[in-house]
Amino acid sequence: MTFGRTKPAAPVSAPDILAQKKNQLDLYNARFDHAVELFNDAIDSLGMTSHDIAETMQEISEYEKELEATKAGLSEARDKTERVIANFKSLLSID
């Protein structure tokens, strides 16, 4: 019995090493493609978010215009009402 000695590793042939390296290359390319796909998905998602924000802002702008028009109409109606009240008060005041 011999102690401390190990069997020498079987030599790996060049075609086996080449096949391993090609497999590694395929794996790296697949990982690269996956990473690029993740980034493209993130970009697309952010683009949709930006579009949705722009639509919401446009809706708010439209509501603001409608509110401003309603406010102007109310102000005009209040002014007319105040003038009528003043006219009625002046008719009732007999001096």
PDB file of N, CA and C in Angstrom:
ATOM      1  N   MET A   1       0.848  -1.164   0.000  1.00  0.00           N
ATOM      2  CA  MET A   1       0.000   0.000   0.000  1.00  0.00           C
ATOM      3  C   MET A   1       0.898   1.232   0.000  1.00  0.00           C
ATOM      4  N   THR A   2       0.561   2.189  -0.894  1.00  0.00           N
ATOM      5  CA  THR A   2       1.339   3.415  -0.948  1.00  0.00           C
ATOM      6  C   THR A   2       0.501   4.562  -0.433  1.00  0.00           C
ATOM      7  N   PHE A   3       1.127   5.341   0.408  1.00  0.00           N
ATOM      8  CA  PHE A   3       0.420   6.499   0.972  1.00  0.00           C
ATOM      9  C   PHE A   3       0.931   7.765   0.315  1.00  0.00           C
ATOM     10  N   GLY A   4       0.008   8.746   0.176  1.00  0.00           N
ATOM     11  CA  GLY A   4       0.406  10.055  -0.338  1.00  0.00           C
ATOM     12  C   GLY A   4       0.485  10.112  -1.840  1.00  0.00           C
ATOM     13  N   ARG A   5       0.261   9.018  -2.485  1.00  0.00           N
ATOM     14  CA  ARG A   5       0.310   9.044  -3.936  1.00  0.00           C
ATOM     15  C   ARG A   5      -1.113   8.997  -4.478  1.00  0.00           C
ATOM     16  N   THR A   6      -1.339   9.796  -5.475  1.00  0.00           N
ATOM     17  CA  THR A   6      -2.639   9.771  -6.131  1.00  0.00           C
ATOM     18  C   THR A   6      -2.424   9.396  -7.574  1.00  0.00           C
ATOM     19  N   LYS A   7      -3.473   8.904  -8.140  1.00  0.00           N
ATOM     20  CA  LYS A   7      -3.398   8.561  -9.549  1.00  0.00           C
ATOM     21  C   LYS A   7      -3.325   9.837 -10.365  1.00  0.00           C
ATOM     22  N   PRO A   8      -2.519   9.866 -11.370  1.00  0.00           N
ATOM     23  CA  PRO A   8      -2.505  11.055 -12.232  1.00  0.00           C
ATOM     24  C   PRO A   8      -3.840  11.172 -12.974  1.00  0.00           C
ATOM     25  N   ALA A   9      -4.271  12.421 -13.147  1.00  0.00           N
ATOM     26  CA  ALA A   9      -5.544  12.667 -13.835  1.00  0.00           C
ATOM     27  C   ALA A   9      -5.406  12.237 -15.278  1.00  0.00           C
ATOM     28  N   ALA A  10      -6.485  11.723 -15.771  1.00  0.00           N
ATOM     29  CA  ALA A  10      -6.475  11.319 -17.169  1.00  0.00           C
ATOM     30  C   ALA A  10      -6.384  12.562 -18.021  1.00  0.00           C
ATOM     31  N   PRO A  11      -5.531  12.545 -18.999  1.00  0.00           N
ATOM     32  CA  PRO A  11      -5.392  13.733 -19.848  1.00  0.00           C
ATOM     33  C   PRO A  11      -6.694  14.001 -20.597  1.00  0.00           C
ATOM     34  N   VAL A  12      -7.039  15.298 -20.666  1.00  0.00           N
ATOM     35  CA  VAL A  12      -8.244  15.706 -21.372  1.00  0.00           C
ATOM     36  C   VAL A  12      -7.841  16.015 -22.794  1.00  0.00           C
ATOM     37  N   SER A  13      -8.556  15.439 -23.710  1.00  0.00           N
ATOM     38  CA  SER A  13      -8.193  15.644 -25.106  1.00  0.00           C
ATOM     39  C   SER A  13      -8.637  17.021 -25.570  1.00  0.00           C
ATOM     40  N   ALA A  14      -7.979  17.519 -26.563  1.00  0.00           N
ATOM     41  CA  ALA A  14      -8.269  18.843 -27.117  1.00  0.00           C
ATOM     42  C   ALA A  14      -9.708  18.960 -27.596  1.00  0.00           C
ATOM     43  N   PRO A  15     -10.279  17.945 -28.260  1.00  0.00           N
ATOM     44  CA  PRO A  15     -11.686  18.081 -28.675  1.00  0.00           C
ATOM     45  C   PRO A  15     -12.637  18.224 -27.488  1.00  0.00           C
ATOM     46  N   ASP A  16     -12.328  17.553 -26.344  1.00  0.00           N
ATOM     47  CA  ASP A  16     -13.176  17.691 -25.164  1.00  0.00           C
ATOM     48  C   ASP A  16     -13.103  19.104 -24.603  1.00  0.00           C
ATOM     49  N   ILE A  17     -11.918  19.650 -24.540  1.00  0.00           N
ATOM     50  CA  ILE A  17     -11.741  21.024 -24.046  1.00  0.00           C
ATOM     51  C   ILE A  17     -12.454  21.995 -24.976  1.00  0.00           C
ATOM     52  N   LEU A  18     -12.312  21.783 -26.270  1.00  0.00           N
ATOM     53  CA  LEU A  18     -12.971  22.652 -27.240  1.00  0.00           C
ATOM     54  C   LEU A  18     -14.490  22.581 -27.078  1.00  0.00           C
ATOM     55  N   ALA A  19     -15.031  21.406 -26.875  1.00  0.00           N
ATOM     56  CA  ALA A  19     -16.476  21.253 -26.675  1.00  0.00           C
ATOM     57  C   ALA A  19     -16.905  21.967 -25.400  1.00  0.00           C
ATOM     58  N   GLN A  20     -16.110  21.861 -24.337  1.00  0.00           N
ATOM     59  CA  GLN A  20     -16.434  22.550 -23.086  1.00  0.00           C
ATOM     60  C   GLN A  20     -16.453  24.060 -23.289  1.00  0.00           C
ATOM     61  N   LYS A  21     -15.467  24.562 -24.014  1.00  0.00           N
ATOM     62  CA  LYS A  21     -15.382  26.014 -24.241  1.00  0.00           C
ATOM     63  C   LYS A  21     -16.533  26.490 -25.118  1.00  0.00           C
ATOM     64  N   LYS A  22     -16.925  25.685 -26.095  1.00  0.00           N
ATOM     65  CA  LYS A  22     -18.078  26.054 -26.933  1.00  0.00           C
ATOM     66  C   LYS A  22     -19.353  26.064 -26.089  1.00  0.00           C
ATOM     67  N   ASN A  23     -19.485  25.112 -25.182  1.00  0.00           N
ATOM     68  CA  ASN A  23     -20.643  25.091 -24.279  1.00  0.00           C
ATOM     69  C   ASN A  23     -20.650  26.321 -23.377  1.00  0.00           C
ATOM     70  N   GLN A  24     -19.467  26.690 -22.897  1.00  0.00           N
ATOM     71  CA  GLN A  24     -19.375  27.902 -22.072  1.00  0.00           C
ATOM     72  C   GLN A  24     -19.765  29.131 -22.882  1.00  0.00           C
ATOM     73  N   LEU A  25     -19.287  29.192 -24.118  1.00  0.00           N
ATOM     74  CA  LEU A  25     -19.636  30.319 -24.984  1.00  0.00           C
ATOM     75  C   LEU A  25     -21.142  30.391 -25.195  1.00  0.00           C
ATOM     76  N   ASP A  26     -21.767  29.239 -25.444  1.00  0.00           N
ATOM     77  CA  ASP A  26     -23.226  29.211 -25.614  1.00  0.00           C
ATOM     78  C   ASP A  26     -23.927  29.702 -24.348  1.00  0.00           C
ATOM     79  N   LEU A  27     -23.420  29.285 -23.198  1.00  0.00           N
ATOM     80  CA  LEU A  27     -23.997  29.717 -21.927  1.00  0.00           C
ATOM     81  C   LEU A  27     -23.842  31.226 -21.744  1.00  0.00           C
ATOM     82  N   TYR A  28     -22.654  31.744 -22.040  1.00  0.00           N
ATOM     83  CA  TYR A  28     -22.428  33.189 -21.908  1.00  0.00           C
ATOM     84  C   TYR A  28     -23.336  33.973 -22.860  1.00  0.00           C
ATOM     85  N   ASN A  29     -23.482  33.478 -24.078  1.00  0.00           N
ATOM     86  CA  ASN A  29     -24.357  34.167 -25.035  1.00  0.00           C
ATOM     87  C   ASN A  29     -25.804  34.136 -24.574  1.00  0.00           C
ATOM     88  N   ALA A  30     -26.235  33.019 -24.019  1.00  0.00           N
ATOM     89  CA  ALA A  30     -27.604  32.932 -23.503  1.00  0.00           C
ATOM     90  C   ALA A  30     -27.802  33.891 -22.332  1.00  0.00           C
ATOM     91  N   ARG A  31     -26.815  33.971 -21.450  1.00  0.00           N
ATOM     92  CA  ARG A  31     -26.914  34.905 -20.319  1.00  0.00           C
ATOM     93  C   ARG A  31     -26.944  36.341 -20.813  1.00  0.00           C
ATOM     94  N   PHE A  32     -26.123  36.647 -21.821  1.00  0.00           N
ATOM     95  CA  PHE A  32     -26.106  37.984 -22.408  1.00  0.00           C
ATOM     96  C   PHE A  32     -27.476  38.310 -23.001  1.00  0.00           C
ATOM     97  N   ASP A  33     -28.009  37.382 -23.793  1.00  0.00           N
ATOM     98  CA  ASP A  33     -29.321  37.606 -24.415  1.00  0.00           C
ATOM     99  C   ASP A  33     -30.393  37.824 -23.355  1.00  0.00           C
ATOM    100  N   HIS A  34     -30.341  37.052 -22.283  1.00  0.00           N
ATOM    101  CA  HIS A  34     -31.316  37.202 -21.197  1.00  0.00           C
ATOM    102  C   HIS A  34     -31.183  38.580 -20.537  1.00  0.00           C
ATOM    103  N   ALA A  35     -29.951  39.000 -20.305  1.00  0.00           N
ATOM    104  CA  ALA A  35     -29.729  40.313 -19.680  1.00  0.00           C
ATOM    105  C   ALA A  35     -30.248  41.435 -20.583  1.00  0.00           C
ATOM    106  N   VAL A  36     -29.982  41.325 -21.876  1.00  0.00           N
ATOM    107  CA  VAL A  36     -30.457  42.341 -22.816  1.00  0.00           C
ATOM    108  C   VAL A  36     -31.985  42.352 -22.844  1.00  0.00           C
ATOM    109  N   GLU A  37     -32.597  41.175 -22.810  1.00  0.00           N
ATOM    110  CA  GLU A  37     -34.053  41.083 -22.790  1.00  0.00           C
ATOM    111  C   GLU A  37     -34.624  41.746 -21.539  1.00  0.00           C
ATOM    112  N   LEU A  38     -33.979  41.532 -20.393  1.00  0.00           N
ATOM    113  CA  LEU A  38     -34.433  42.169 -19.152  1.00  0.00           C
ATOM    114  C   LEU A  38     -34.387  43.690 -19.272  1.00  0.00           C
ATOM    115  N   PHE A  39     -33.292  44.199 -19.835  1.00  0.00           N
ATOM    116  CA  PHE A  39     -33.177  45.650 -19.998  1.00  0.00           C
ATOM    117  C   PHE A  39     -34.225  46.171 -20.965  1.00  0.00           C
ATOM    118  N   ASN A  40     -34.435  45.458 -22.068  1.00  0.00           N
ATOM    119  CA  ASN A  40     -35.451  45.893 -23.032  1.00  0.00           C
ATOM    120  C   ASN A  40     -36.840  45.878 -22.408  1.00  0.00           C
ATOM    121  N   ASP A  41     -37.131  44.856 -21.611  1.00  0.00           N
ATOM    122  CA  ASP A  41     -38.424  44.804 -20.918  1.00  0.00           C
ATOM    123  C   ASP A  41     -38.567  45.979 -19.952  1.00  0.00           C
ATOM    124  N   ALA A  42     -37.488  46.303 -19.236  1.00  0.00           N
ATOM    125  CA  ALA A  42     -37.529  47.432 -18.299  1.00  0.00           C
ATOM    126  C   ALA A  42     -37.746  48.744 -19.051  1.00  0.00           C
ATOM    127  N   ILE A  43     -37.065  48.901 -20.170  1.00  0.00           N
ATOM    128  CA  ILE A  43     -37.221  50.120 -20.975  1.00  0.00           C
ATOM    129  C   ILE A  43     -38.646  50.228 -21.484  1.00  0.00           C
ATOM    130  N   ASP A  44     -39.193  49.114 -21.984  1.00  0.00           N
ATOM    131  CA  ASP A  44     -40.573  49.122 -22.475  1.00  0.00           C
ATOM    132  C   ASP A  44     -41.551  49.468 -21.360  1.00  0.00           C
ATOM    133  N   SER A  45     -41.335  48.883 -20.195  1.00  0.00           N
ATOM    134  CA  SER A  45     -42.214  49.139 -19.060  1.00  0.00           C
ATOM    135  C   SER A  45     -42.145  50.608 -18.644  1.00  0.00           C
ATOM    136  N   LEU A  46     -40.949  51.158 -18.598  1.00  0.00           N
ATOM    137  CA  LEU A  46     -40.801  52.567 -18.238  1.00  0.00           C
ATOM    138  C   LEU A  46     -41.424  53.465 -19.300  1.00  0.00           C
ATOM    139  N   GLY A  47     -41.312  53.068 -20.553  1.00  0.00           N
ATOM    140  CA  GLY A  47     -41.943  53.838 -21.627  1.00  0.00           C
ATOM    141  C   GLY A  47     -43.453  53.860 -21.484  1.00  0.00           C
ATOM    142  N   MET A  48     -44.038  52.703 -21.156  1.00  0.00           N
ATOM    143  CA  MET A  48     -45.487  52.650 -20.947  1.00  0.00           C
ATOM    144  C   MET A  48     -45.885  53.489 -19.742  1.00  0.00           C
ATOM    145  N   THR A  49     -45.085  53.459 -18.689  1.00  0.00           N
ATOM    146  CA  THR A  49     -45.369  54.261 -17.505  1.00  0.00           C
ATOM    147  C   THR A  49     -45.339  55.744 -17.849  1.00  0.00           C
ATOM    148  N   SER A  50     -44.327  56.149 -18.604  1.00  0.00           N
ATOM    149  CA  SER A  50     -44.218  57.546 -19.010  1.00  0.00           C
ATOM    150  C   SER A  50     -45.423  57.961 -19.853  1.00  0.00           C
ATOM    151  N   HIS A  51     -45.837  57.092 -20.761  1.00  0.00           N
ATOM    152  CA  HIS A  51     -47.006  57.372 -21.600  1.00  0.00           C
ATOM    153  C   HIS A  51     -48.260  57.518 -20.746  1.00  0.00           C
ATOM    154  N   ASP A  52     -48.437  56.611 -19.794  1.00  0.00           N
ATOM    155  CA  ASP A  52     -49.606  56.678 -18.905  1.00  0.00           C
ATOM    156  C   ASP A  52     -49.604  57.960 -18.082  1.00  0.00           C
ATOM    157  N   ILE A  53     -48.445  58.372 -17.617  1.00  0.00           N
ATOM    158  CA  ILE A  53     -48.338  59.619 -16.851  1.00  0.00           C
ATOM    159  C   ILE A  53     -48.735  60.804 -17.726  1.00  0.00           C
ATOM    160  N   ALA A  54     -48.243  60.807 -18.970  1.00  0.00           N
ATOM    161  CA  ALA A  54     -48.578  61.904 -19.888  1.00  0.00           C
ATOM    162  C   ALA A  54     -50.081  61.955 -20.147  1.00  0.00           C
ATOM    163  N   GLU A  55     -50.705  60.790 -20.320  1.00  0.00           N
ATOM    164  CA  GLU A  55     -52.166  60.762 -20.524  1.00  0.00           C
ATOM    165  C   GLU A  55     -52.904  61.305 -19.309  1.00  0.00           C
ATOM    166  N   THR A  56     -52.467  60.898 -18.127  1.00  0.00           N
ATOM    167  CA  THR A  56     -53.108  61.371 -16.897  1.00  0.00           C
ATOM    168  C   THR A  56     -52.954  62.885 -16.761  1.00  0.00           C
ATOM    169  N   MET A  57     -51.783  63.380 -17.076  1.00  0.00           N
ATOM    170  CA  MET A  57     -51.561  64.832 -17.005  1.00  0.00           C
ATOM    171  C   MET A  57     -52.458  65.565 -18.002  1.00  0.00           C
ATOM    172  N   GLN A  58     -52.649  64.980 -19.194  1.00  0.00           N
ATOM    173  CA  GLN A  58     -53.532  65.592 -20.190  1.00  0.00           C
ATOM    174  C   GLN A  58     -54.971  65.618 -19.689  1.00  0.00           C
ATOM    175  N   GLU A  59     -55.399  64.524 -19.070  1.00  0.00           N
ATOM    176  CA  GLU A  59     -56.753  64.485 -18.502  1.00  0.00           C
ATOM    177  C   GLU A  59     -56.917  65.566 -17.441  1.00  0.00           C
ATOM    178  N   ILE A  60     -55.919  65.720 -16.589  1.00  0.00           N
ATOM    179  CA  ILE A  60     -55.971  66.749 -15.545  1.00  0.00           C
ATOM    180  C   ILE A  60     -56.056  68.132 -16.173  1.00  0.00           C
ATOM    181  N   SER A  61     -55.277  68.356 -17.232  1.00  0.00           N
ATOM    182  CA  SER A  61     -55.316  69.659 -17.917  1.00  0.00           C
ATOM    183  C   SER A  61     -56.705  69.943 -18.477  1.00  0.00           C
ATOM    184  N   GLU A  62     -57.329  68.903 -19.050  1.00  0.00           N
ATOM    185  CA  GLU A  62     -58.676  69.085 -19.583  1.00  0.00           C
ATOM    186  C   GLU A  62     -59.669  69.405 -18.469  1.00  0.00           C
ATOM    187  N   TYR A  63     -59.555  68.699 -17.348  1.00  0.00           N
ATOM    188  CA  TYR A  63     -60.442  68.988 -16.211  1.00  0.00           C
ATOM    189  C   TYR A  63     -60.193  70.396 -15.674  1.00  0.00           C
ATOM    190  N   GLU A  64     -58.923  70.795 -15.646  1.00  0.00           N
ATOM    191  CA  GLU A  64     -58.612  72.150 -15.169  1.00  0.00           C
ATOM    192  C   GLU A  64     -59.271  73.200 -16.067  1.00  0.00           C
ATOM    193  N   LYS A  65     -59.239  72.978 -17.386  1.00  0.00           N
ATOM    194  CA  LYS A  65     -59.879  73.915 -18.310  1.00  0.00           C
ATOM    195  C   LYS A  65     -61.386  73.976 -18.055  1.00  0.00           C
ATOM    196  N   GLU A  66     -61.983  72.789 -17.883  1.00  0.00           N
ATOM    197  CA  GLU A  66     -63.430  72.753 -17.617  1.00  0.00           C
ATOM    198  C   GLU A  66     -63.758  73.422 -16.286  1.00  0.00           C
ATOM    199  N   LEU A  67     -62.936  73.168 -15.275  1.00  0.00           N
ATOM    200  CA  LEU A  67     -63.155  73.797 -13.974  1.00  0.00           C
ATOM    201  C   LEU A  67     -63.007  75.314 -14.070  1.00  0.00           C
ATOM    202  N   GLU A  68     -62.012  75.752 -14.822  1.00  0.00           N
ATOM    203  CA  GLU A  68     -61.795  77.200 -14.975  1.00  0.00           C
ATOM    204  C   GLU A  68     -62.983  77.834 -15.692  1.00  0.00           C
ATOM    205  N   ALA A  69     -63.497  77.161 -16.722  1.00  0.00           N
ATOM    206  CA  ALA A  69     -64.666  77.687 -17.437  1.00  0.00           C
ATOM    207  C   ALA A  69     -65.882  77.716 -16.509  1.00  0.00           C
ATOM    208  N   THR A  70     -66.060  76.679 -15.711  1.00  0.00           N
ATOM    209  CA  THR A  70     -67.170  76.641 -14.753  1.00  0.00           C
ATOM    210  C   THR A  70     -67.016  77.731 -13.717  1.00  0.00           C
ATOM    211  N   LYS A  71     -65.794  77.920 -13.233  1.00  0.00           N
ATOM    212  CA  LYS A  71     -65.532  78.968 -12.247  1.00  0.00           C
ATOM    213  C   LYS A  71     -65.836  80.345 -12.833  1.00  0.00           C
ATOM    214  N   ALA A  72     -65.433  80.566 -14.089  1.00  0.00           N
ATOM    215  CA  ALA A  72     -65.704  81.855 -14.733  1.00  0.00           C
ATOM    216  C   ALA A  72     -67.211  82.065 -14.881  1.00  0.00           C
ATOM    217  N   GLY A  73     -67.933  81.004 -15.249  1.00  0.00           N
ATOM    218  CA  GLY A  73     -69.391  81.100 -15.370  1.00  0.00           C
ATOM    219  C   GLY A  73     -70.045  81.404 -14.035  1.00  0.00           C
ATOM    220  N   LEU A  74     -69.571  80.759 -12.981  1.00  0.00           N
ATOM    221  CA  LEU A  74     -70.111  81.027 -11.646  1.00  0.00           C
ATOM    222  C   LEU A  74     -69.821  82.456 -11.208  1.00  0.00           C
ATOM    223  N   SER A  75     -68.637  82.916 -11.500  1.00  0.00           N
ATOM    224  CA  SER A  75     -68.279  84.288 -11.133  1.00  0.00           C
ATOM    225  C   SER A  75     -69.173  85.290 -11.861  1.00  0.00           C
ATOM    226  N   GLU A  76     -69.406  85.019 -13.134  1.00  0.00           N
ATOM    227  CA  GLU A  76     -70.284  85.901 -13.915  1.00  0.00           C
ATOM    228  C   GLU A  76     -71.711  85.879 -13.365  1.00  0.00           C
ATOM    229  N   ALA A  77     -72.199  84.681 -13.018  1.00  0.00           N
ATOM    230  CA  ALA A  77     -73.550  84.556 -12.460  1.00  0.00           C
ATOM    231  C   ALA A  77     -73.641  85.269 -11.117  1.00  0.00           C
ATOM    232  N   ARG A  78     -72.590  85.145 -10.298  1.00  0.00           N
ATOM    233  CA  ARG A  78     -72.590  85.837  -9.000  1.00  0.00           C
ATOM    234  C   ARG A  78     -72.613  87.353  -9.204  1.00  0.00           C
ATOM    235  N   ASP A  79     -71.829  87.854 -10.156  1.00  0.00           N
ATOM    236  CA  ASP A  79     -71.806  89.302 -10.421  1.00  0.00           C
ATOM    237  C   ASP A  79     -73.180  89.800 -10.856  1.00  0.00           C
ATOM    238  N   LYS A  80     -73.840  89.032 -11.735  1.00  0.00           N
ATOM    239  CA  LYS A  80     -75.195  89.419 -12.171  1.00  0.00           C
ATOM    240  C   LYS A  80     -76.154  89.425 -10.985  1.00  0.00           C
ATOM    241  N   THR A  81     -76.047  88.405 -10.158  1.00  0.00           N
ATOM    242  CA  THR A  81     -76.925  88.301  -8.991  1.00  0.00           C
ATOM    243  C   THR A  81     -76.699  89.478  -8.048  1.00  0.00           C
ATOM    244  N   GLU A  82     -75.444  89.823  -7.822  1.00  0.00           N
ATOM    245  CA  GLU A  82     -75.125  90.959  -6.947  1.00  0.00           C
ATOM    246  C   GLU A  82     -75.672  92.265  -7.517  1.00  0.00           C
ATOM    247  N   ARG A  83     -75.608  92.420  -8.840  1.00  0.00           N
ATOM    248  CA  ARG A  83     -76.155  93.646  -9.462  1.00  0.00           C
ATOM    249  C   ARG A  83     -77.679  93.697  -9.309  1.00  0.00           C
ATOM    250  N   VAL A  84     -78.335  92.545  -9.478  1.00  0.00           N
ATOM    251  CA  VAL A  84     -79.791  92.503  -9.317  1.00  0.00           C
ATOM    252  C   VAL A  84     -80.163  92.835  -7.874  1.00  0.00           C
ATOM    253  N   ILE A  85     -79.445  92.261  -6.922  1.00  0.00           N
ATOM    254  CA  ILE A  85     -79.704  92.558  -5.510  1.00  0.00           C
ATOM    255  C   ILE A  85     -79.544  94.049  -5.248  1.00  0.00           C
ATOM    256  N   ALA A  86     -78.468  94.615  -5.776  1.00  0.00           N
ATOM    257  CA  ALA A  86     -78.233  96.055  -5.581  1.00  0.00           C
ATOM    258  C   ALA A  86     -79.363  96.874  -6.208  1.00  0.00           C
ATOM    259  N   ASN A  87     -79.822  96.467  -7.392  1.00  0.00           N
ATOM    260  CA  ASN A  87     -80.925  97.185  -8.055  1.00  0.00           C
ATOM    261  C   ASN A  87     -82.216  97.072  -7.244  1.00  0.00           C
ATOM    262  N   PHE A  88     -82.522  95.889  -6.739  1.00  0.00           N
ATOM    263  CA  PHE A  88     -83.722  95.710  -5.936  1.00  0.00           C
ATOM    264  C   PHE A  88     -83.636  96.543  -4.659  1.00  0.00           C
ATOM    265  N   LYS A  89     -82.461  96.559  -4.059  1.00  0.00           N
ATOM    266  CA  LYS A  89     -82.294  97.360  -2.829  1.00  0.00           C
ATOM    267  C   LYS A  89     -82.503  98.836  -3.136  1.00  0.00           C
ATOM    268  N   SER A  90     -82.005  99.283  -4.266  1.00  0.00           N
ATOM    269  CA  SER A  90     -82.157 100.703  -4.602  1.00  0.00           C
ATOM    270  C   SER A  90     -83.621 101.026  -4.907  1.00  0.00           C
ATOM    271  N   LEU A  91     -84.388 100.081  -5.451  1.00  0.00           N
ATOM    272  CA  LEU A  91     -85.816 100.309  -5.709  1.00  0.00           C
ATOM    273  C   LEU A  91     -86.605 100.400  -4.395  1.00  0.00           C
ATOM    274  N   LEU A  92     -86.196  99.614  -3.413  1.00  0.00           N
ATOM    275  CA  LEU A  92     -86.893  99.620  -2.153  1.00  0.00           C
ATOM    276  C   LEU A  92     -86.521 100.812  -1.268  1.00  0.00           C
ATOM    277  N   SER A  93     -85.421 101.390  -1.566  1.00  0.00           N
ATOM    278  CA  SER A  93     -85.005 102.553  -0.768  1.00  0.00           C
ATOM    279  C   SER A  93     -85.660 103.809  -1.329  1.00  0.00           C
ATOM    280  N   ILE A  94     -86.571 104.359  -0.574  1.00  0.00           N
ATOM    281  CA  ILE A  94     -87.229 105.582  -1.001  1.00  0.00           C
ATOM    282  C   ILE A  94     -86.766 106.675  -0.048  1.00  0.00           C
ATOM    283  N   ASP A  95     -86.020 107.560  -0.580  1.00  0.00           N
ATOM    284  CA  ASP A  95     -85.543 108.685   0.241  1.00  0.00           C
ATOM    285  C   ASP A  95     -86.044 109.971  -0.278  1.00  0.00           C
TER     286      ASP A  95
END
